[in-house]
Structure formats: C-alpha cells, structure tokens
Amino acid sequence: MGDAGPEATAVNDLVGLPVAQVERDLILATLRETRGNRTHAAHILGVSIRTLRNKIAAYVAEGYYVPEPGSAVH
C-alpha cells in the first residue's frame, strides 16, 4: 500500500461516524463558510432551501450554534 494523501486522511477521519453527525458537521461548516447565507449554502450542498431550513431548525432545537445570515466566519 502506498502513501495516503490528504484526501484519504480526511475520508478516514469520517469512517465510523454516524451519517447524521457527518451531515450536521458539513452543513454547519458550509454555513460558516457562506457567512450564514442559507441560499448559497443550500446550492453548495445540493439540497433545497426548505430541506436546509428544516435541518437548521432541528440543529437549533438540539442546542447547536447555527451562524446567522451575515455573520463573520469563525
């Protein structure tokens, strides 16, 4: 076996995690990168804005920080 590149390392970090956790982390990271822009984040993620808003509502209800539109990147 050869040397694993950075992409393989990133994928290996996801192995064993629940899909819901990976999805949540990806959505929240995308929202941070888009400064909370839901429309842009939904486009990047390939989901409808309605789906994204439903997931955001669930994350807020679970106590996760969700960037507000126009927020600075952390």
C-alpha atoms as a PDB file:
ATOM      1  CA  MET A   1       0.000   0.000   0.000  1.00  0.00           C
ATOM      2  CA  GLY A   2       1.195   3.463  -0.903  1.00  0.00           C
ATOM      3  CA  ASP A   3       1.250   6.719   0.908  1.00  0.00           C
ATOM      4  CA  ALA A   4      -2.269   8.008   1.609  1.00  0.00           C
ATOM      5  CA  GLY A   5      -2.797  11.598   0.503  1.00  0.00           C
ATOM      6  CA  PRO A   6      -4.637  14.293   2.449  1.00  0.00           C
ATOM      7  CA  GLU A   7      -7.944  13.358   0.816  1.00  0.00           C
ATOM      8  CA  ALA A   8      -7.661   9.775   2.068  1.00  0.00           C
ATOM      9  CA  THR A   9      -6.806  11.022   5.552  1.00  0.00           C
ATOM     10  CA  ALA A  10      -9.876  13.271   5.610  1.00  0.00           C
ATOM     11  CA  VAL A  11     -12.126  10.416   4.477  1.00  0.00           C
ATOM     12  CA  ASN A  12     -10.596   8.060   7.023  1.00  0.00           C
ATOM     13  CA  ASP A  13     -11.479  10.563   9.759  1.00  0.00           C
ATOM     14  CA  LEU A  14     -15.136  10.094   8.819  1.00  0.00           C
ATOM     15  CA  VAL A  15     -15.144   6.304   8.946  1.00  0.00           C
ATOM     16  CA  GLY A  16     -17.152   5.072  11.907  1.00  0.00           C
ATOM     17  CA  LEU A  17     -19.087   8.289  12.434  1.00  0.00           C
ATOM     18  CA  PRO A  18     -22.872   8.313  12.143  1.00  0.00           C
ATOM     19  CA  VAL A  19     -24.089   9.794   8.852  1.00  0.00           C
ATOM     20  CA  ALA A  20     -26.276  12.287  10.732  1.00  0.00           C
ATOM     21  CA  GLN A  21     -23.204  13.663  12.524  1.00  0.00           C
ATOM     22  CA  VAL A  22     -21.200  13.957   9.299  1.00  0.00           C
ATOM     23  CA  GLU A  23     -24.160  15.660   7.607  1.00  0.00           C
ATOM     24  CA  ARG A  24     -24.612  18.107  10.508  1.00  0.00           C
ATOM     25  CA  ASP A  25     -20.929  18.983  10.608  1.00  0.00           C
ATOM     26  CA  LEU A  26     -20.860  19.517   6.837  1.00  0.00           C
ATOM     27  CA  ILE A  27     -23.956  21.729   6.885  1.00  0.00           C
ATOM     28  CA  LEU A  28     -22.690  23.832   9.787  1.00  0.00           C
ATOM     29  CA  ALA A  29     -19.231  24.205   8.220  1.00  0.00           C
ATOM     30  CA  THR A  30     -20.816  25.262   4.931  1.00  0.00           C
ATOM     31  CA  LEU A  31     -22.957  27.834   6.742  1.00  0.00           C
ATOM     32  CA  ARG A  32     -19.844  29.234   8.427  1.00  0.00           C
ATOM     33  CA  GLU A  33     -18.073  29.490   5.075  1.00  0.00           C
ATOM     34  CA  THR A  34     -21.067  31.228   3.463  1.00  0.00           C
ATOM     35  CA  ARG A  35     -21.397  33.615   6.427  1.00  0.00           C
ATOM     36  CA  GLY A  36     -24.792  32.151   7.229  1.00  0.00           C
ATOM     37  CA  ASN A  37     -26.178  32.575   3.696  1.00  0.00           C
ATOM     38  CA  ARG A  38     -28.782  29.793   3.565  1.00  0.00           C
ATOM     39  CA  THR A  39     -29.441  30.053  -0.179  1.00  0.00           C
ATOM     40  CA  HIS A  40     -25.765  29.840  -1.077  1.00  0.00           C
ATOM     41  CA  ALA A  41     -25.173  27.001   1.409  1.00  0.00           C
ATOM     42  CA  ALA A  42     -28.131  25.021   0.026  1.00  0.00           C
ATOM     43  CA  HIS A  43     -26.774  25.461  -3.502  1.00  0.00           C
ATOM     44  CA  ILE A  44     -23.279  24.286  -2.494  1.00  0.00           C
ATOM     45  CA  LEU A  45     -24.720  21.291  -0.631  1.00  0.00           C
ATOM     46  CA  GLY A  46     -27.119  20.387  -3.441  1.00  0.00           C
ATOM     47  CA  VAL A  47     -30.233  20.471  -1.276  1.00  0.00           C
ATOM     48  CA  SER A  48     -33.345  22.620  -1.363  1.00  0.00           C
ATOM     49  CA  ILE A  49     -33.528  25.689   0.817  1.00  0.00           C
ATOM     50  CA  ARG A  50     -36.544  24.097   2.543  1.00  0.00           C
ATOM     51  CA  THR A  51     -34.521  20.988   3.435  1.00  0.00           C
ATOM     52  CA  LEU A  52     -31.684  23.149   4.736  1.00  0.00           C
ATOM     53  CA  ARG A  53     -34.048  25.273   6.833  1.00  0.00           C
ATOM     54  CA  ASN A  54     -35.655  22.156   8.320  1.00  0.00           C
ATOM     55  CA  LYS A  55     -32.256  20.760   9.262  1.00  0.00           C
ATOM     56  CA  ILE A  56     -31.173  24.099  10.728  1.00  0.00           C
ATOM     57  CA  ALA A  57     -34.326  24.210  12.868  1.00  0.00           C
ATOM     58  CA  ALA A  58     -33.554  20.717  14.166  1.00  0.00           C
ATOM     59  CA  TYR A  59     -29.944  21.666  14.976  1.00  0.00           C
ATOM     60  CA  VAL A  60     -31.054  24.797  16.835  1.00  0.00           C
ATOM     61  CA  ALA A  61     -33.565  22.714  18.810  1.00  0.00           C
ATOM     62  CA  GLU A  62     -30.727  20.332  19.718  1.00  0.00           C
ATOM     63  CA  GLY A  63     -28.659  23.270  21.004  1.00  0.00           C
ATOM     64  CA  TYR A  64     -26.121  23.644  18.183  1.00  0.00           C
ATOM     65  CA  TYR A  65     -24.838  27.066  17.192  1.00  0.00           C
ATOM     66  CA  VAL A  66     -26.016  27.968  13.692  1.00  0.00           C
ATOM     67  CA  PRO A  67     -24.468  31.061  12.091  1.00  0.00           C
ATOM     68  CA  GLU A  68     -26.906  33.878  11.421  1.00  0.00           C
ATOM     69  CA  PRO A  69     -27.026  35.368   7.923  1.00  0.00           C
ATOM     70  CA  GLY A  70     -24.244  37.901   7.512  1.00  0.00           C
ATOM     71  CA  SER A  71     -22.195  36.544  10.398  1.00  0.00           C
ATOM     72  CA  ALA A  72     -18.416  36.554  10.281  1.00  0.00           C
ATOM     73  CA  VAL A  73     -16.504  33.366   9.505  1.00  0.00           C
ATOM     74  CA  HIS A  74     -15.189  31.737  12.713  1.00  0.00           C
END
